[in-house]
Amino acid sequence: MISKRETPQMKSSRSELIINPRLLSGGSQNNSMGRLTLILIAISLGLSSFGQNSRFKPVDYTDSVYRFSVKKVILPSIFIGYGFAGLMINPIKDLNLKIRSEFTSRVITKFHIDNYTQYAPAGAVYGLNLLGIKGKHNFLDRSIILGTSAIVMGISVTGIKQLTHIQRPDESSFDALPSGHTATAFACAEFLNQEYKDRSVWYGIAGYTIAAGTGFLRMYNNRHWLTDVVAGAGFGILSTKIAYWVFPKIKKLFFKDIQISFSLVPSFDPRYGPVR
C-alpha cells in the first residue's frame, strides 16, 4: 500500500511515498526474499532521490549561458545562411547534386539509425544524471530547457519547410529544407554541451559527433541535401541557445517556488507486528 505524507515545514512541493513492506507482500511467509528486496529498493531509491537533489547547485542566473550575445549566434547563422544560399547560388546547388549522385551510385544498404541517434545526446544527459554524473541543472530545470528548445525548433523548422517547399532528393515530398532530424540532433548536442561543458569538453564533442553522424545519414539515405543538413544544424543549435536565454524568465513566471523531489521511505505499522 502506498500513501502520501506532506511535510508542511517545507516550502517546496516535496512528496514522500511511504511503503509498508508487510502490505506489499500480502503477509506471505514464502515471500521473505521479495519483502527484503522491496525494502532495499525503497531505501536505495530514497537515498538516490535525496542525493540527486542535494548535489545540484542553486541556479545562478548571472551565468553567461543565460545571456544573449552576438558571438553566440554567428556560427548557427552561418549554417542557416548557407542553407538558404543553396536556393539561389548555382555552385552550391551543383554541390548538392554531386553529393546525391555519389551516394546514390554507391549506397546499397540504407541505415535508419538516424531516427534514434537524433535523440541520443539528450538521452545521455538524463542517463549521466541517473549514473550520478550531475550536469548544470536538476531534472525539472533541464526538462524546461529541453522542452523550450524543442518548441522553438519545431515551430521554426516546420515553418521554414512550408515556406521554402524544397523537394527531397528522393522526390518523396516537398519539405526538405531544413532537415528536422539534423536540427533535433544538434539541438540535443548543444543541450549536452551546455549541461556538461563545465565538467569536460569531451561531452560536447561526443554529442556533436553523434549529431554530425545523424546529418551524414540523412544524406546517405537520400533524404536530404547538404544544404538541408547544414541549415538544420544551425536551427538546432540556435534553438537550444534561445532556450537557455529565456529559461530564467520561464522559470520565474511559471515554476516559481516549485521544486520536485520524491523519496521512498519504508514504513512499519506496529498493528501488524514485525515482518517475518
C-alpha atoms as a PDB file:
ATOM      1  CA  MET A   1       0.000   0.000   0.000  1.00  0.00           C
ATOM      2  CA  ILE A   2       1.330   3.441  -0.896  1.00  0.00           C
ATOM      3  CA  SER A   3       0.273   6.554   0.969  1.00  0.00           C
ATOM      4  CA  LYS A   4       1.294  10.201   0.655  1.00  0.00           C
ATOM      5  CA  ARG A   5       2.561  12.229   3.594  1.00  0.00           C
ATOM      6  CA  GLU A   6       3.053  16.002   3.331  1.00  0.00           C
ATOM      7  CA  THR A   7       5.550  17.939   5.408  1.00  0.00           C
ATOM      8  CA  PRO A   8       4.188  21.490   5.889  1.00  0.00           C
ATOM      9  CA  GLN A   9       7.574  22.774   7.076  1.00  0.00           C
ATOM     10  CA  MET A  10       8.940  22.555   3.557  1.00  0.00           C
ATOM     11  CA  LYS A  11       8.346  25.454   1.189  1.00  0.00           C
ATOM     12  CA  SER A  12       8.862  23.353  -1.923  1.00  0.00           C
ATOM     13  CA  SER A  13       6.387  20.820  -3.245  1.00  0.00           C
ATOM     14  CA  ARG A  14       8.126  17.732  -1.858  1.00  0.00           C
ATOM     15  CA  SER A  15       6.292  14.426  -1.551  1.00  0.00           C
ATOM     16  CA  GLU A  16       7.302  11.323   0.344  1.00  0.00           C
ATOM     17  CA  LEU A  17       5.946   7.948  -0.675  1.00  0.00           C
ATOM     18  CA  ILE A  18       5.540   5.657   2.322  1.00  0.00           C
ATOM     19  CA  ILE A  19       5.733   1.936   1.588  1.00  0.00           C
ATOM     20  CA  ASN A  20       4.603  -0.681   4.074  1.00  0.00           C
ATOM     21  CA  PRO A  21       6.512  -3.856   3.122  1.00  0.00           C
ATOM     22  CA  ARG A  22       4.056  -6.027   5.084  1.00  0.00           C
ATOM     23  CA  LEU A  23       1.145  -4.905   2.966  1.00  0.00           C
ATOM     24  CA  LEU A  24       3.091  -5.137  -0.284  1.00  0.00           C
ATOM     25  CA  SER A  25       3.984  -8.742   0.433  1.00  0.00           C
ATOM     26  CA  GLY A  26       0.466  -9.778   1.335  1.00  0.00           C
ATOM     27  CA  GLY A  27       1.708 -11.280   4.629  1.00  0.00           C
ATOM     28  CA  SER A  28       3.021 -14.445   2.984  1.00  0.00           C
ATOM     29  CA  GLN A  29       5.754 -16.353   4.836  1.00  0.00           C
ATOM     30  CA  ASN A  30       7.153 -17.578   1.499  1.00  0.00           C
ATOM     31  CA  ASN A  31       7.974 -14.124   0.175  1.00  0.00           C
ATOM     32  CA  SER A  32      10.638 -13.065   2.669  1.00  0.00           C
ATOM     33  CA  MET A  33      13.209 -12.532  -0.091  1.00  0.00           C
ATOM     34  CA  GLY A  34      10.690 -10.476  -2.061  1.00  0.00           C
ATOM     35  CA  ARG A  35       9.940  -8.347   1.019  1.00  0.00           C
ATOM     36  CA  LEU A  36      13.637  -7.771   1.626  1.00  0.00           C
ATOM     37  CA  THR A  37      14.140  -6.797  -1.997  1.00  0.00           C
ATOM     38  CA  LEU A  38      11.306  -4.269  -1.801  1.00  0.00           C
ATOM     39  CA  ILE A  39      12.765  -2.760   1.360  1.00  0.00           C
ATOM     40  CA  LEU A  40      16.216  -2.445  -0.164  1.00  0.00           C
ATOM     41  CA  ILE A  41      14.797  -0.909  -3.340  1.00  0.00           C
ATOM     42  CA  ALA A  42      12.785   1.586  -1.295  1.00  0.00           C
ATOM     43  CA  ILE A  43      15.810   2.596   0.758  1.00  0.00           C
ATOM     44  CA  SER A  44      18.022   2.855  -2.317  1.00  0.00           C
ATOM     45  CA  LEU A  45      15.556   4.984  -4.238  1.00  0.00           C
ATOM     46  CA  GLY A  46      15.017   7.229  -1.263  1.00  0.00           C
ATOM     47  CA  LEU A  47      18.743   7.798  -0.807  1.00  0.00           C
ATOM     48  CA  SER A  48      19.192   8.264  -4.541  1.00  0.00           C
ATOM     49  CA  SER A  49      16.475  10.915  -4.650  1.00  0.00           C
ATOM     50  CA  PHE A  50      17.943  12.738  -1.678  1.00  0.00           C
ATOM     51  CA  GLY A  51      21.408  12.632  -3.147  1.00  0.00           C
ATOM     52  CA  GLN A  52      20.273  13.853  -6.539  1.00  0.00           C
ATOM     53  CA  ASN A  53      18.578  16.930  -5.151  1.00  0.00           C
ATOM     54  CA  SER A  54      21.300  17.738  -2.651  1.00  0.00           C
ATOM     55  CA  ARG A  55      24.104  17.783  -5.209  1.00  0.00           C
ATOM     56  CA  PHE A  56      22.654  20.369  -7.574  1.00  0.00           C
ATOM     57  CA  LYS A  57      23.730  23.942  -7.008  1.00  0.00           C
ATOM     58  CA  PRO A  58      21.089  26.695  -6.998  1.00  0.00           C
ATOM     59  CA  VAL A  59      20.602  28.273 -10.406  1.00  0.00           C
ATOM     60  CA  ASP A  60      22.934  31.226 -10.929  1.00  0.00           C
ATOM     61  CA  TYR A  61      21.024  33.487 -13.287  1.00  0.00           C
ATOM     62  CA  THR A  62      24.106  35.670 -13.793  1.00  0.00           C
ATOM     63  CA  ASP A  63      25.797  32.810 -15.658  1.00  0.00           C
ATOM     64  CA  SER A  64      26.693  33.805 -19.224  1.00  0.00           C
ATOM     65  CA  VAL A  65      24.756  30.816 -20.611  1.00  0.00           C
ATOM     66  CA  TYR A  66      21.528  32.727 -19.852  1.00  0.00           C
ATOM     67  CA  ARG A  67      22.645  35.910 -21.614  1.00  0.00           C
ATOM     68  CA  PHE A  68      22.325  36.714 -25.304  1.00  0.00           C
ATOM     69  CA  SER A  69      25.420  37.761 -27.217  1.00  0.00           C
ATOM     70  CA  VAL A  70      26.056  38.284 -30.927  1.00  0.00           C
ATOM     71  CA  LYS A  71      29.064  35.975 -30.737  1.00  0.00           C
ATOM     72  CA  LYS A  72      26.836  33.039 -29.824  1.00  0.00           C
ATOM     73  CA  VAL A  73      24.662  33.369 -32.936  1.00  0.00           C
ATOM     74  CA  ILE A  74      27.441  33.732 -35.509  1.00  0.00           C
ATOM     75  CA  LEU A  75      28.018  30.013 -36.189  1.00  0.00           C
ATOM     76  CA  PRO A  76      24.345  28.928 -36.349  1.00  0.00           C
ATOM     77  CA  SER A  77      23.597  31.981 -38.506  1.00  0.00           C
ATOM     78  CA  ILE A  78      26.324  30.963 -40.961  1.00  0.00           C
ATOM     79  CA  PHE A  79      24.872  27.440 -41.112  1.00  0.00           C
ATOM     80  CA  ILE A  80      21.357  28.744 -41.719  1.00  0.00           C
ATOM     81  CA  GLY A  81      22.614  31.255 -44.280  1.00  0.00           C
ATOM     82  CA  TYR A  82      24.400  28.512 -46.200  1.00  0.00           C
ATOM     83  CA  GLY A  83      21.187  26.520 -46.342  1.00  0.00           C
ATOM     84  CA  PHE A  84      19.262  29.425 -47.852  1.00  0.00           C
ATOM     85  CA  ALA A  85      22.144  30.255 -50.185  1.00  0.00           C
ATOM     86  CA  GLY A  86      21.577  26.878 -51.796  1.00  0.00           C
ATOM     87  CA  LEU A  87      18.272  28.191 -53.095  1.00  0.00           C
ATOM     88  CA  MET A  88      19.973  30.825 -55.256  1.00  0.00           C
ATOM     89  CA  ILE A  89      23.683  30.103 -55.778  1.00  0.00           C
ATOM     90  CA  ASN A  90      24.376  27.621 -58.559  1.00  0.00           C
ATOM     91  CA  PRO A  91      27.728  26.251 -57.286  1.00  0.00           C
ATOM     92  CA  ILE A  92      26.032  25.254 -54.012  1.00  0.00           C
ATOM     93  CA  LYS A  93      23.178  23.648 -55.961  1.00  0.00           C
ATOM     94  CA  ASP A  94      25.721  21.759 -58.052  1.00  0.00           C
ATOM     95  CA  LEU A  95      27.457  20.513 -54.904  1.00  0.00           C
ATOM     96  CA  ASN A  96      24.112  19.208 -53.621  1.00  0.00           C
ATOM     97  CA  LEU A  97      23.597  17.274 -56.856  1.00  0.00           C
ATOM     98  CA  LYS A  98      27.135  15.919 -56.849  1.00  0.00           C
ATOM     99  CA  ILE A  99      26.837  14.615 -53.284  1.00  0.00           C
ATOM    100  CA  ARG A 100      23.499  12.974 -54.044  1.00  0.00           C
ATOM    101  CA  SER A 101      24.975  11.356 -57.133  1.00  0.00           C
ATOM    102  CA  GLU A 102      27.894   9.970 -55.131  1.00  0.00           C
ATOM    103  CA  PHE A 103      25.622   8.437 -52.509  1.00  0.00           C
ATOM    104  CA  THR A 104      23.030   7.013 -54.889  1.00  0.00           C
ATOM    105  CA  SER A 105      25.734   5.369 -57.016  1.00  0.00           C
ATOM    106  CA  ARG A 106      27.498   3.745 -54.065  1.00  0.00           C
ATOM    107  CA  VAL A 107      24.885   3.061 -51.393  1.00  0.00           C
ATOM    108  CA  ILE A 108      23.472  -0.465 -51.444  1.00  0.00           C
ATOM    109  CA  THR A 109      22.057  -0.786 -47.937  1.00  0.00           C
ATOM    110  CA  LYS A 110      20.474   2.107 -46.091  1.00  0.00           C
ATOM    111  CA  PHE A 111      20.748   2.552 -42.332  1.00  0.00           C
ATOM    112  CA  HIS A 112      17.907   4.227 -40.474  1.00  0.00           C
ATOM    113  CA  ILE A 113      19.508   4.536 -37.046  1.00  0.00           C
ATOM    114  CA  ASP A 114      19.344   8.308 -37.599  1.00  0.00           C
ATOM    115  CA  ASN A 115      15.738   8.025 -36.419  1.00  0.00           C
ATOM    116  CA  TYR A 116      17.200   7.249 -32.984  1.00  0.00           C
ATOM    117  CA  THR A 117      20.625   8.899 -32.918  1.00  0.00           C
ATOM    118  CA  GLN A 118      18.967  12.307 -33.211  1.00  0.00           C
ATOM    119  CA  TYR A 119      17.821  11.936 -29.588  1.00  0.00           C
ATOM    120  CA  ALA A 120      20.975  10.282 -28.222  1.00  0.00           C
ATOM    121  CA  PRO A 121      22.744  13.411 -26.863  1.00  0.00           C
ATOM    122  CA  ALA A 122      19.666  14.463 -24.878  1.00  0.00           C
ATOM    123  CA  GLY A 123      19.202  10.912 -23.616  1.00  0.00           C
ATOM    124  CA  ALA A 124      22.823  10.972 -22.483  1.00  0.00           C
ATOM    125  CA  VAL A 125      22.105  13.982 -20.248  1.00  0.00           C
ATOM    126  CA  TYR A 126      19.420  12.105 -18.330  1.00  0.00           C
ATOM    127  CA  GLY A 127      21.427   8.883 -18.337  1.00  0.00           C
ATOM    128  CA  LEU A 128      24.519  10.572 -16.915  1.00  0.00           C
ATOM    129  CA  ASN A 129      22.442  12.163 -14.163  1.00  0.00           C
ATOM    130  CA  LEU A 130      20.972   8.779 -13.257  1.00  0.00           C
ATOM    131  CA  LEU A 131      24.516   7.425 -13.010  1.00  0.00           C
ATOM    132  CA  GLY A 132      25.403  10.185 -10.559  1.00  0.00           C
ATOM    133  CA  ILE A 133      27.336  12.376 -13.006  1.00  0.00           C
ATOM    134  CA  LYS A 134      25.480  15.623 -12.429  1.00  0.00           C
ATOM    135  CA  GLY A 135      25.096  18.336 -15.031  1.00  0.00           C
ATOM    136  CA  LYS A 136      24.300  22.009 -14.654  1.00  0.00           C
ATOM    137  CA  HIS A 137      20.579  21.655 -13.864  1.00  0.00           C
ATOM    138  CA  ASN A 138      18.265  19.388 -11.920  1.00  0.00           C
ATOM    139  CA  PHE A 139      15.559  17.279 -13.570  1.00  0.00           C
ATOM    140  CA  LEU A 140      12.878  19.978 -13.643  1.00  0.00           C
ATOM    141  CA  ASP A 141      15.114  22.771 -14.917  1.00  0.00           C
ATOM    142  CA  ARG A 142      16.823  20.753 -17.631  1.00  0.00           C
ATOM    143  CA  SER A 143      13.432  19.435 -18.771  1.00  0.00           C
ATOM    144  CA  ILE A 144      12.130  23.007 -19.055  1.00  0.00           C
ATOM    145  CA  ILE A 145      15.151  23.940 -21.159  1.00  0.00           C
ATOM    146  CA  LEU A 146      14.923  20.878 -23.396  1.00  0.00           C
ATOM    147  CA  GLY A 147      11.172  21.331 -23.840  1.00  0.00           C
ATOM    148  CA  THR A 148      11.601  25.002 -24.748  1.00  0.00           C
ATOM    149  CA  SER A 149      14.294  24.100 -27.270  1.00  0.00           C
ATOM    150  CA  ALA A 150      12.003  21.504 -28.853  1.00  0.00           C
ATOM    151  CA  ILE A 151       9.165  24.023 -29.162  1.00  0.00           C
ATOM    152  CA  VAL A 152      11.370  26.734 -30.702  1.00  0.00           C
ATOM    153  CA  MET A 153      12.962  24.251 -33.078  1.00  0.00           C
ATOM    154  CA  GLY A 154       9.652  22.637 -34.058  1.00  0.00           C
ATOM    155  CA  ILE A 155       7.991  25.944 -34.889  1.00  0.00           C
ATOM    156  CA  SER A 156      10.954  27.329 -36.831  1.00  0.00           C
ATOM    157  CA  VAL A 157      11.773  24.149 -38.773  1.00  0.00           C
ATOM    158  CA  THR A 158       8.151  23.409 -39.681  1.00  0.00           C
ATOM    159  CA  GLY A 159       7.576  27.000 -40.745  1.00  0.00           C
ATOM    160  CA  ILE A 160      10.661  27.117 -42.965  1.00  0.00           C
ATOM    161  CA  LYS A 161       9.804  23.759 -44.539  1.00  0.00           C
ATOM    162  CA  GLN A 162       6.401  25.079 -45.581  1.00  0.00           C
ATOM    163  CA  LEU A 163       7.844  28.399 -46.743  1.00  0.00           C
ATOM    164  CA  THR A 164      10.675  27.021 -48.901  1.00  0.00           C
ATOM    165  CA  HIS A 165       8.813  23.961 -50.269  1.00  0.00           C
ATOM    166  CA  ILE A 166      12.011  22.240 -51.480  1.00  0.00           C
ATOM    167  CA  GLN A 167      11.751  18.732 -52.894  1.00  0.00           C
ATOM    168  CA  ARG A 168      13.704  15.994 -51.145  1.00  0.00           C
ATOM    169  CA  PRO A 169      16.461  14.252 -53.137  1.00  0.00           C
ATOM    170  CA  ASP A 170      14.424  11.023 -53.146  1.00  0.00           C
ATOM    171  CA  GLU A 171      11.474  13.032 -54.543  1.00  0.00           C
ATOM    172  CA  SER A 172       9.200  11.764 -51.766  1.00  0.00           C
ATOM    173  CA  SER A 173       7.907  15.179 -50.641  1.00  0.00           C
ATOM    174  CA  PHE A 174       8.483  18.940 -50.743  1.00  0.00           C
ATOM    175  CA  ASP A 175       9.693  19.593 -47.202  1.00  0.00           C
ATOM    176  CA  ALA A 176      13.458  19.141 -47.461  1.00  0.00           C
ATOM    177  CA  LEU A 177      14.807  22.432 -46.069  1.00  0.00           C
ATOM    178  CA  PRO A 178      15.845  22.294 -43.263  1.00  0.00           C
ATOM    179  CA  SER A 179      16.466  18.750 -42.041  1.00  0.00           C
ATOM    180  CA  GLY A 180      14.330  18.121 -38.963  1.00  0.00           C
ATOM    181  CA  HIS A 181      16.376  15.104 -37.859  1.00  0.00           C
ATOM    182  CA  THR A 182      19.584  17.114 -38.047  1.00  0.00           C
ATOM    183  CA  ALA A 183      18.020  20.058 -36.232  1.00  0.00           C
ATOM    184  CA  THR A 184      16.901  17.749 -33.421  1.00  0.00           C
ATOM    185  CA  ALA A 185      20.315  16.109 -33.215  1.00  0.00           C
ATOM    186  CA  PHE A 186      22.209  19.400 -32.975  1.00  0.00           C
ATOM    187  CA  ALA A 187      19.694  20.873 -30.533  1.00  0.00           C
ATOM    188  CA  CYS A 188      20.281  17.844 -28.296  1.00  0.00           C
ATOM    189  CA  ALA A 189      24.053  18.056 -28.816  1.00  0.00           C
ATOM    190  CA  GLU A 190      24.092  21.701 -27.746  1.00  0.00           C
ATOM    191  CA  PHE A 191      21.969  20.738 -24.743  1.00  0.00           C
ATOM    192  CA  LEU A 192      24.508  18.067 -23.743  1.00  0.00           C
ATOM    193  CA  ASN A 193      27.349  20.510 -24.286  1.00  0.00           C
ATOM    194  CA  GLN A 194      25.831  23.223 -22.111  1.00  0.00           C
ATOM    195  CA  GLU A 195      24.918  20.837 -19.315  1.00  0.00           C
ATOM    196  CA  TYR A 196      28.365  19.215 -19.098  1.00  0.00           C
ATOM    197  CA  LYS A 197      30.912  21.637 -20.564  1.00  0.00           C
ATOM    198  CA  ASP A 198      31.993  22.639 -17.050  1.00  0.00           C
ATOM    199  CA  ARG A 199      32.908  19.002 -16.390  1.00  0.00           C
ATOM    200  CA  SER A 200      34.673  18.204 -19.634  1.00  0.00           C
ATOM    201  CA  VAL A 201      34.745  19.461 -23.207  1.00  0.00           C
ATOM    202  CA  TRP A 202      34.555  15.851 -24.398  1.00  0.00           C
ATOM    203  CA  TYR A 203      30.869  15.556 -23.551  1.00  0.00           C
ATOM    204  CA  GLY A 204      30.088  18.270 -26.088  1.00  0.00           C
ATOM    205  CA  ILE A 205      32.471  16.779 -28.646  1.00  0.00           C
ATOM    206  CA  ALA A 206      30.767  13.396 -28.304  1.00  0.00           C
ATOM    207  CA  GLY A 207      27.330  14.974 -28.688  1.00  0.00           C
ATOM    208  CA  TYR A 208      28.288  16.928 -31.777  1.00  0.00           C
ATOM    209  CA  THR A 209      29.952  13.877 -33.306  1.00  0.00           C
ATOM    210  CA  ILE A 210      26.692  11.950 -32.975  1.00  0.00           C
ATOM    211  CA  ALA A 211      24.750  14.910 -34.382  1.00  0.00           C
ATOM    212  CA  ALA A 212      27.112  15.173 -37.369  1.00  0.00           C
ATOM    213  CA  GLY A 213      26.692  11.440 -37.941  1.00  0.00           C
ATOM    214  CA  THR A 214      22.926  11.901 -37.947  1.00  0.00           C
ATOM    215  CA  GLY A 215      23.236  14.619 -40.579  1.00  0.00           C
ATOM    216  CA  PHE A 216      25.520  12.427 -42.677  1.00  0.00           C
ATOM    217  CA  LEU A 217      22.997   9.582 -42.563  1.00  0.00           C
ATOM    218  CA  ARG A 218      20.225  11.911 -43.771  1.00  0.00           C
ATOM    219  CA  MET A 219      22.258  12.421 -46.948  1.00  0.00           C
ATOM    220  CA  TYR A 220      23.434   8.817 -47.087  1.00  0.00           C
ATOM    221  CA  ASN A 221      19.812   7.644 -47.007  1.00  0.00           C
ATOM    222  CA  ASN A 222      18.953  10.133 -49.776  1.00  0.00           C
ATOM    223  CA  ARG A 223      16.517  12.010 -47.549  1.00  0.00           C
ATOM    224  CA  HIS A 224      18.199  15.416 -47.568  1.00  0.00           C
ATOM    225  CA  TRP A 225      20.528  17.696 -49.490  1.00  0.00           C
ATOM    226  CA  LEU A 226      23.722  19.008 -47.922  1.00  0.00           C
ATOM    227  CA  THR A 227      22.148  22.448 -47.575  1.00  0.00           C
ATOM    228  CA  ASP A 228      19.212  20.927 -45.658  1.00  0.00           C
ATOM    229  CA  VAL A 229      21.572  19.290 -43.189  1.00  0.00           C
ATOM    230  CA  VAL A 230      23.754  22.364 -42.649  1.00  0.00           C
ATOM    231  CA  ALA A 231      20.715  24.604 -42.137  1.00  0.00           C
ATOM    232  CA  GLY A 232      19.174  22.049 -39.775  1.00  0.00           C
ATOM    233  CA  ALA A 233      22.322  22.110 -37.663  1.00  0.00           C
ATOM    234  CA  GLY A 234      22.071  25.887 -37.422  1.00  0.00           C
ATOM    235  CA  PHE A 235      18.416  25.847 -36.405  1.00  0.00           C
ATOM    236  CA  GLY A 236      19.079  23.139 -33.821  1.00  0.00           C
ATOM    237  CA  ILE A 237      21.991  24.923 -32.132  1.00  0.00           C
ATOM    238  CA  LEU A 238      20.184  28.261 -32.142  1.00  0.00           C
ATOM    239  CA  SER A 239      17.003  26.741 -30.681  1.00  0.00           C
ATOM    240  CA  THR A 240      18.834  25.399 -27.648  1.00  0.00           C
ATOM    241  CA  LYS A 241      20.727  28.652 -27.133  1.00  0.00           C
ATOM    242  CA  ILE A 242      17.407  30.514 -27.173  1.00  0.00           C
ATOM    243  CA  ALA A 243      16.024  28.016 -24.655  1.00  0.00           C
ATOM    244  CA  TYR A 244      18.824  28.858 -22.218  1.00  0.00           C
ATOM    245  CA  TRP A 245      18.359  32.586 -22.768  1.00  0.00           C
ATOM    246  CA  VAL A 246      14.657  32.524 -21.927  1.00  0.00           C
ATOM    247  CA  PHE A 247      14.877  29.867 -19.197  1.00  0.00           C
ATOM    248  CA  PRO A 248      15.206  32.326 -16.249  1.00  0.00           C
ATOM    249  CA  LYS A 249      12.054  34.156 -17.340  1.00  0.00           C
ATOM    250  CA  ILE A 250      10.096  30.915 -17.875  1.00  0.00           C
ATOM    251  CA  LYS A 251      11.245  29.524 -14.524  1.00  0.00           C
ATOM    252  CA  LYS A 252      10.276  32.652 -12.615  1.00  0.00           C
ATOM    253  CA  LEU A 253       6.986  33.081 -14.457  1.00  0.00           C
ATOM    254  CA  PHE A 254       5.610  29.530 -14.438  1.00  0.00           C
ATOM    255  CA  PHE A 255       7.682  27.497 -11.961  1.00  0.00           C
ATOM    256  CA  LYS A 256       8.479  29.914  -9.154  1.00  0.00           C
ATOM    257  CA  ASP A 257       8.963  28.247  -5.755  1.00  0.00           C
ATOM    258  CA  ILE A 258       8.447  24.793  -7.272  1.00  0.00           C
ATOM    259  CA  GLN A 259      10.957  22.075  -6.548  1.00  0.00           C
ATOM    260  CA  ILE A 260      10.227  18.465  -7.390  1.00  0.00           C
ATOM    261  CA  SER A 261      11.660  15.818  -5.108  1.00  0.00           C
ATOM    262  CA  PHE A 262      10.468  12.302  -4.385  1.00  0.00           C
ATOM    263  CA  SER A 263      11.728   9.755  -1.912  1.00  0.00           C
ATOM    264  CA  LEU A 264      10.601   6.268  -0.977  1.00  0.00           C
ATOM    265  CA  VAL A 265      10.682   5.504   2.751  1.00  0.00           C
ATOM    266  CA  PRO A 266       9.915   2.092   4.310  1.00  0.00           C
ATOM    267  CA  SER A 267       7.166   2.244   6.958  1.00  0.00           C
ATOM    268  CA  PHE A 268       6.368  -0.439   9.531  1.00  0.00           C
ATOM    269  CA  ASP A 269       2.878  -0.404  11.045  1.00  0.00           C
ATOM    270  CA  PRO A 270       3.010  -1.700  14.669  1.00  0.00           C
ATOM    271  CA  ARG A 271      -0.530  -3.057  14.306  1.00  0.00           C
ATOM    272  CA  TYR A 272       0.804  -5.805  12.036  1.00  0.00           C
ATOM    273  CA  GLY A 273       3.889  -6.660  14.025  1.00  0.00           C
ATOM    274  CA  PRO A 274       7.343  -7.242  12.559  1.00  0.00           C
ATOM    275  CA  VAL A 275       7.760  -8.558   9.052  1.00  0.00           C
ATOM    276  CA  ARG A 276       8.819 -12.212   9.130  1.00  0.00           C
END
